[in-house]
């Protein structure tokens, strides 16, 4: 395992949660990192991604304005701050990375990422 996601849990609607993703020391320096999620019974979908060289960031419309991606490159850590959580945000969240610096359209595609974390479950429920 080269990416390790953590921070999932149970949170009430309207609450906040921060996910973390740690890259192992053996992971090459990635230039595009992001998050995908998969809700029960649904296909995996794009959440957000960031191109590390210039900081260009894209978000899915469903999370725009509520979620924020950030990273600490020196520590090989990536974070997903999730605010104003909704029940429909319930899913297993996967951190992803790739050594290539992708164009914006490619950043939304699962096929653009060679490295995947094991996933962390986020449940939004009262």
N, C-alpha and C. Protein backbone atom coordinates (compact mmCIF):
# COMPACT_ATOMS: atom_id res chain seq x y z
N UNK A 1 0.85 -1.18 0.00
CA UNK A 1 0.00 0.00 0.00
C UNK A 1 0.88 1.22 0.00
N UNK A 2 0.65 2.15 -0.96
CA UNK A 2 1.49 3.31 -1.07
C UNK A 2 0.80 4.59 -0.65
N UNK A 3 -0.54 4.59 -0.61
CA UNK A 3 -1.32 5.71 -0.10
C UNK A 3 -2.22 5.20 1.02
N UNK A 4 -2.24 5.89 2.13
CA UNK A 4 -3.01 5.48 3.29
C UNK A 4 -3.97 6.59 3.67
N UNK A 5 -5.27 6.32 3.50
CA UNK A 5 -6.29 7.31 3.86
C UNK A 5 -6.80 7.06 5.27
N UNK A 6 -7.14 8.13 5.97
CA UNK A 6 -7.67 8.01 7.33
C UNK A 6 -8.55 9.20 7.63
N UNK A 7 -9.25 9.12 8.76
CA UNK A 7 -10.05 10.25 9.21
C UNK A 7 -11.53 10.09 9.02
N UNK A 8 -11.97 9.00 8.42
CA UNK A 8 -13.39 8.79 8.24
C UNK A 8 -14.09 8.51 9.55
N UNK A 9 -15.41 8.56 9.51
CA UNK A 9 -16.18 8.29 10.71
C UNK A 9 -17.61 8.70 10.54
N UNK A 10 -18.33 8.74 11.65
CA UNK A 10 -19.74 9.12 11.67
C UNK A 10 -19.86 10.59 12.06
N UNK A 11 -20.61 11.34 11.29
CA UNK A 11 -20.80 12.76 11.58
C UNK A 11 -22.25 13.12 11.27
N UNK A 12 -22.77 14.08 12.01
CA UNK A 12 -24.15 14.51 11.79
C UNK A 12 -24.23 15.44 10.58
N UNK A 13 -25.39 15.49 9.95
CA UNK A 13 -25.57 16.45 8.84
C UNK A 13 -25.24 17.87 9.30
N UNK A 14 -24.52 18.58 8.43
CA UNK A 14 -24.08 19.92 8.77
C UNK A 14 -22.73 19.97 9.44
N UNK A 15 -22.22 18.80 9.83
CA UNK A 15 -20.94 18.74 10.52
C UNK A 15 -19.76 18.76 9.57
N UNK A 16 -18.57 18.64 10.16
CA UNK A 16 -17.32 18.68 9.40
C UNK A 16 -16.45 17.48 9.73
N UNK A 17 -15.58 17.19 8.79
CA UNK A 17 -14.64 16.08 8.95
C UNK A 17 -13.43 16.37 8.07
N UNK A 18 -12.26 15.97 8.53
CA UNK A 18 -11.07 16.13 7.70
C UNK A 18 -10.44 14.77 7.45
N UNK A 19 -10.30 14.44 6.19
CA UNK A 19 -9.63 13.20 5.81
C UNK A 19 -8.16 13.50 5.53
N UNK A 20 -7.33 12.51 5.81
CA UNK A 20 -5.90 12.63 5.54
C UNK A 20 -5.46 11.50 4.63
N UNK A 21 -4.44 11.75 3.87
CA UNK A 21 -3.87 10.73 3.00
C UNK A 21 -2.36 10.85 3.09
N UNK A 22 -1.74 9.77 3.51
CA UNK A 22 -0.28 9.76 3.66
C UNK A 22 0.33 8.87 2.60
N UNK A 23 1.35 9.39 1.94
CA UNK A 23 2.07 8.60 0.95
C UNK A 23 3.28 7.96 1.62
N UNK A 24 3.50 6.71 1.32
CA UNK A 24 4.64 6.02 1.90
C UNK A 24 5.94 6.58 1.31
N UNK A 25 7.05 6.34 2.01
CA UNK A 25 8.33 6.88 1.56
C UNK A 25 8.76 6.28 0.24
N UNK A 26 8.14 5.14 -0.13
CA UNK A 26 8.52 4.50 -1.38
C UNK A 26 7.75 5.07 -2.57
N UNK A 27 6.74 5.90 -2.29
CA UNK A 27 5.93 6.44 -3.36
C UNK A 27 6.71 7.54 -4.08
N UNK A 28 6.82 7.46 -5.41
CA UNK A 28 7.49 8.55 -6.13
C UNK A 28 6.74 9.85 -5.92
N UNK A 29 7.41 10.92 -6.16
CA UNK A 29 6.75 12.20 -6.02
C UNK A 29 5.61 12.30 -7.03
N UNK A 30 4.41 12.48 -6.52
CA UNK A 30 3.25 12.60 -7.39
C UNK A 30 3.04 14.06 -7.76
N UNK A 31 2.47 14.28 -8.91
CA UNK A 31 2.23 15.63 -9.37
C UNK A 31 0.75 15.97 -9.50
N UNK A 32 -0.10 14.97 -9.39
CA UNK A 32 -1.54 15.19 -9.34
C UNK A 32 -2.09 14.29 -8.24
N UNK A 33 -2.84 14.87 -7.34
CA UNK A 33 -3.46 14.08 -6.26
C UNK A 33 -4.92 14.46 -6.15
N UNK A 34 -5.69 13.54 -5.59
CA UNK A 34 -7.11 13.84 -5.49
C UNK A 34 -7.86 12.85 -4.64
N UNK A 35 -9.19 12.97 -4.69
CA UNK A 35 -10.09 12.10 -3.94
C UNK A 35 -11.25 11.66 -4.85
N UNK A 36 -11.60 10.40 -4.71
CA UNK A 36 -12.81 9.85 -5.30
C UNK A 36 -13.64 9.27 -4.16
N UNK A 37 -14.89 8.99 -4.44
CA UNK A 37 -15.73 8.35 -3.43
C UNK A 37 -16.70 7.39 -4.09
N UNK A 38 -17.14 6.44 -3.28
CA UNK A 38 -18.12 5.47 -3.77
C UNK A 38 -19.18 5.27 -2.70
N UNK A 39 -20.39 5.68 -3.02
CA UNK A 39 -21.52 5.50 -2.10
C UNK A 39 -22.08 4.09 -2.26
N UNK A 40 -22.77 3.59 -1.25
CA UNK A 40 -23.34 2.25 -1.33
C UNK A 40 -24.25 2.10 -2.54
N UNK A 41 -23.99 1.07 -3.33
CA UNK A 41 -24.83 0.79 -4.48
C UNK A 41 -24.62 1.70 -5.67
N UNK A 42 -23.60 2.57 -5.61
CA UNK A 42 -23.36 3.50 -6.70
C UNK A 42 -21.95 3.34 -7.24
N UNK A 43 -21.73 3.91 -8.40
CA UNK A 43 -20.40 3.86 -9.00
C UNK A 43 -19.48 4.88 -8.32
N UNK A 44 -18.22 4.59 -8.40
CA UNK A 44 -17.25 5.51 -7.83
C UNK A 44 -17.24 6.82 -8.63
N UNK A 45 -17.12 7.93 -7.92
CA UNK A 45 -17.19 9.22 -8.60
C UNK A 45 -16.07 10.15 -8.14
N UNK A 46 -15.76 11.09 -8.99
CA UNK A 46 -14.73 12.09 -8.72
C UNK A 46 -15.21 13.08 -7.67
N UNK A 47 -14.30 13.48 -6.78
CA UNK A 47 -14.62 14.49 -5.78
C UNK A 47 -13.80 15.75 -6.02
N UNK A 48 -12.49 15.61 -6.00
CA UNK A 48 -11.62 16.77 -6.21
C UNK A 48 -10.22 16.29 -6.55
N UNK A 49 -9.44 17.17 -7.17
CA UNK A 49 -8.05 16.86 -7.48
C UNK A 49 -7.26 18.15 -7.59
N UNK A 50 -5.98 18.03 -7.37
CA UNK A 50 -5.09 19.19 -7.43
C UNK A 50 -3.80 18.84 -8.16
N UNK A 51 -3.42 19.75 -9.05
CA UNK A 51 -2.15 19.61 -9.75
C UNK A 51 -1.12 20.35 -8.93
N UNK A 52 -0.12 19.60 -8.44
CA UNK A 52 0.75 20.14 -7.42
C UNK A 52 1.70 21.22 -7.93
N UNK A 53 2.07 21.17 -9.19
CA UNK A 53 3.02 22.14 -9.72
C UNK A 53 2.52 23.57 -9.67
N UNK A 54 1.27 23.77 -10.07
CA UNK A 54 0.72 25.12 -10.11
C UNK A 54 -0.48 25.31 -9.19
N UNK A 55 -0.83 24.23 -8.48
CA UNK A 55 -1.94 24.34 -7.53
C UNK A 55 -3.32 24.36 -8.13
N UNK A 56 -3.40 24.12 -9.44
CA UNK A 56 -4.71 24.13 -10.08
C UNK A 56 -5.58 23.04 -9.49
N UNK A 57 -6.80 23.41 -9.11
CA UNK A 57 -7.69 22.51 -8.40
C UNK A 57 -9.04 22.44 -9.09
N UNK A 58 -9.61 21.26 -9.12
CA UNK A 58 -10.96 21.08 -9.65
C UNK A 58 -11.81 20.34 -8.62
N UNK A 59 -13.08 20.67 -8.59
CA UNK A 59 -14.03 20.04 -7.68
C UNK A 59 -15.25 19.57 -8.44
N UNK A 60 -15.84 18.49 -7.95
CA UNK A 60 -17.15 18.09 -8.46
C UNK A 60 -18.16 19.15 -8.04
N UNK A 61 -19.15 19.38 -8.87
CA UNK A 61 -20.16 20.39 -8.55
C UNK A 61 -20.85 20.10 -7.22
N UNK A 62 -20.99 18.82 -6.90
CA UNK A 62 -21.73 18.44 -5.70
C UNK A 62 -21.01 18.82 -4.40
N UNK A 63 -19.70 19.09 -4.48
CA UNK A 63 -18.95 19.41 -3.26
C UNK A 63 -18.35 20.81 -3.29
N UNK A 64 -18.48 21.48 -4.41
CA UNK A 64 -17.87 22.81 -4.57
C UNK A 64 -18.41 23.76 -3.51
N UNK A 65 -17.50 24.46 -2.86
CA UNK A 65 -17.89 25.40 -1.81
C UNK A 65 -18.00 24.77 -0.43
N UNK A 66 -17.96 23.45 -0.37
CA UNK A 66 -18.06 22.75 0.93
C UNK A 66 -16.79 21.98 1.26
N UNK A 67 -16.14 21.44 0.24
CA UNK A 67 -14.93 20.65 0.44
C UNK A 67 -13.72 21.43 -0.04
N UNK A 68 -12.58 21.19 0.64
CA UNK A 68 -11.33 21.84 0.27
C UNK A 68 -10.19 20.83 0.31
N UNK A 69 -9.47 20.75 -0.78
CA UNK A 69 -8.30 19.87 -0.84
C UNK A 69 -7.06 20.69 -0.55
N UNK A 70 -6.13 20.08 0.17
CA UNK A 70 -4.86 20.74 0.45
C UNK A 70 -3.78 19.68 0.61
N UNK A 71 -2.54 20.11 0.61
CA UNK A 71 -1.48 19.12 0.79
C UNK A 71 -0.27 19.75 1.44
N UNK A 72 0.54 18.88 2.05
CA UNK A 72 1.84 19.25 2.59
C UNK A 72 2.83 18.38 1.85
N UNK A 73 3.43 18.96 0.84
CA UNK A 73 4.27 18.14 -0.04
C UNK A 73 5.48 17.59 0.69
N UNK A 74 6.05 18.37 1.58
CA UNK A 74 7.24 17.91 2.30
C UNK A 74 6.93 16.68 3.14
N UNK A 75 5.73 16.64 3.68
CA UNK A 75 5.33 15.51 4.52
C UNK A 75 4.65 14.42 3.72
N UNK A 76 4.48 14.66 2.40
CA UNK A 76 3.76 13.72 1.56
C UNK A 76 2.37 13.44 2.12
N UNK A 77 1.71 14.49 2.55
CA UNK A 77 0.36 14.36 3.10
C UNK A 77 -0.61 15.16 2.24
N UNK A 78 -1.82 14.66 2.13
CA UNK A 78 -2.90 15.36 1.45
C UNK A 78 -4.12 15.33 2.36
N UNK A 79 -4.93 16.37 2.30
CA UNK A 79 -6.08 16.48 3.19
C UNK A 79 -7.34 16.81 2.38
N UNK A 80 -8.46 16.42 2.93
CA UNK A 80 -9.75 16.81 2.38
C UNK A 80 -10.59 17.32 3.54
N UNK A 81 -10.77 18.63 3.59
CA UNK A 81 -11.61 19.24 4.60
C UNK A 81 -13.04 19.26 4.07
N UNK A 82 -13.94 18.63 4.80
CA UNK A 82 -15.33 18.52 4.37
C UNK A 82 -16.22 19.24 5.37
N UNK A 83 -16.89 20.27 4.92
CA UNK A 83 -17.80 21.05 5.76
C UNK A 83 -19.24 20.92 5.24
N UNK A 84 -20.16 21.29 6.08
CA UNK A 84 -21.58 21.25 5.71
C UNK A 84 -21.96 19.91 5.10
N UNK A 85 -21.57 18.87 5.77
CA UNK A 85 -21.78 17.53 5.23
C UNK A 85 -23.27 17.19 5.14
N UNK A 86 -23.59 16.42 4.11
CA UNK A 86 -24.96 16.00 3.84
C UNK A 86 -25.02 14.47 3.84
N UNK A 87 -26.19 13.91 4.08
CA UNK A 87 -26.31 12.44 4.03
C UNK A 87 -25.83 11.86 2.71
N UNK A 88 -26.00 12.59 1.62
CA UNK A 88 -25.55 12.08 0.32
C UNK A 88 -24.04 12.10 0.15
N UNK A 89 -23.33 12.64 1.12
CA UNK A 89 -21.86 12.56 1.11
C UNK A 89 -21.36 11.24 1.69
N UNK A 90 -22.28 10.45 2.23
CA UNK A 90 -21.90 9.15 2.78
C UNK A 90 -21.29 8.27 1.69
N UNK A 91 -20.07 7.81 1.95
CA UNK A 91 -19.36 7.02 0.94
C UNK A 91 -18.02 6.57 1.51
N UNK A 92 -17.40 5.66 0.79
CA UNK A 92 -16.00 5.35 1.04
C UNK A 92 -15.17 6.30 0.19
N UNK A 93 -14.27 7.00 0.84
CA UNK A 93 -13.44 8.00 0.16
C UNK A 93 -12.05 7.43 -0.09
N UNK A 94 -11.60 7.60 -1.33
CA UNK A 94 -10.30 7.08 -1.75
C UNK A 94 -9.38 8.24 -2.14
N UNK A 95 -8.18 8.24 -1.60
CA UNK A 95 -7.19 9.20 -2.08
C UNK A 95 -6.44 8.58 -3.24
N UNK A 96 -6.06 9.40 -4.18
CA UNK A 96 -5.40 8.94 -5.40
C UNK A 96 -4.22 9.85 -5.72
N UNK A 97 -3.27 9.29 -6.47
CA UNK A 97 -2.12 10.08 -6.87
C UNK A 97 -1.55 9.56 -8.18
N UNK A 98 -0.85 10.44 -8.87
CA UNK A 98 -0.20 10.05 -10.13
C UNK A 98 1.04 10.91 -10.33
N UNK A 99 2.06 10.34 -10.93
CA UNK A 99 3.31 11.09 -11.14
C UNK A 99 3.16 12.11 -12.27
N UNK A 100 2.19 11.92 -13.13
CA UNK A 100 1.98 12.84 -14.23
C UNK A 100 1.23 14.09 -13.76
N UNK A 101 1.51 15.18 -14.41
CA UNK A 101 0.81 16.43 -14.16
C UNK A 101 -0.30 16.54 -15.20
N UNK A 102 -1.52 16.24 -14.77
CA UNK A 102 -2.62 16.08 -15.73
C UNK A 102 -3.27 17.39 -16.11
N UNK A 103 -3.85 17.40 -17.31
CA UNK A 103 -4.68 18.52 -17.72
C UNK A 103 -5.99 18.42 -16.95
N UNK A 104 -6.71 19.53 -16.91
CA UNK A 104 -7.89 19.59 -16.05
C UNK A 104 -8.91 18.51 -16.36
N UNK A 105 -9.17 18.25 -17.62
CA UNK A 105 -10.18 17.25 -17.98
C UNK A 105 -9.77 15.87 -17.52
N UNK A 106 -8.51 15.58 -17.56
CA UNK A 106 -8.01 14.26 -17.15
C UNK A 106 -8.03 14.09 -15.64
N UNK A 107 -7.97 15.17 -14.91
CA UNK A 107 -7.94 15.08 -13.45
C UNK A 107 -9.22 14.47 -12.90
N UNK A 108 -10.30 14.51 -13.65
CA UNK A 108 -11.58 13.95 -13.20
C UNK A 108 -11.73 12.46 -13.49
N UNK A 109 -10.78 11.89 -14.19
CA UNK A 109 -10.91 10.50 -14.63
C UNK A 109 -10.15 9.55 -13.71
N UNK A 110 -10.81 8.45 -13.35
CA UNK A 110 -10.16 7.45 -12.51
C UNK A 110 -8.94 6.85 -13.19
N UNK A 111 -8.98 6.78 -14.51
CA UNK A 111 -7.89 6.15 -15.25
C UNK A 111 -6.61 6.97 -15.22
N UNK A 112 -6.69 8.19 -14.73
CA UNK A 112 -5.51 9.05 -14.70
C UNK A 112 -4.60 8.77 -13.52
N UNK A 113 -5.03 7.91 -12.59
CA UNK A 113 -4.30 7.73 -11.34
C UNK A 113 -3.78 6.31 -11.18
N UNK A 114 -2.49 6.20 -10.97
CA UNK A 114 -1.85 4.91 -10.77
C UNK A 114 -1.86 4.47 -9.31
N UNK A 115 -1.95 5.43 -8.40
CA UNK A 115 -1.86 5.10 -6.98
C UNK A 115 -3.20 5.37 -6.29
N UNK A 116 -3.66 4.34 -5.56
CA UNK A 116 -4.94 4.44 -4.85
C UNK A 116 -4.77 4.03 -3.40
N UNK A 117 -5.38 4.79 -2.50
CA UNK A 117 -5.43 4.39 -1.10
C UNK A 117 -6.50 3.34 -0.90
N UNK A 118 -6.58 2.81 0.31
CA UNK A 118 -7.49 1.71 0.58
C UNK A 118 -8.91 2.19 0.87
N UNK A 119 -9.12 3.45 1.08
CA UNK A 119 -10.45 3.98 1.33
C UNK A 119 -10.74 4.15 2.81
N UNK A 120 -11.51 5.19 3.11
CA UNK A 120 -11.96 5.42 4.48
C UNK A 120 -13.43 5.79 4.43
N UNK A 121 -14.23 5.20 5.32
CA UNK A 121 -15.68 5.35 5.28
C UNK A 121 -16.12 6.61 6.00
N UNK A 122 -16.94 7.40 5.32
CA UNK A 122 -17.57 8.57 5.90
C UNK A 122 -19.07 8.34 5.91
N UNK A 123 -19.66 8.45 7.08
CA UNK A 123 -21.11 8.27 7.22
C UNK A 123 -21.71 9.54 7.79
N UNK A 124 -22.64 10.12 7.05
CA UNK A 124 -23.30 11.34 7.50
C UNK A 124 -24.74 10.98 7.83
N UNK A 125 -25.04 11.01 9.11
CA UNK A 125 -26.35 10.57 9.57
C UNK A 125 -26.64 11.15 10.94
N UNK A 126 -27.92 11.39 11.18
CA UNK A 126 -28.32 11.85 12.50
C UNK A 126 -28.77 10.69 13.37
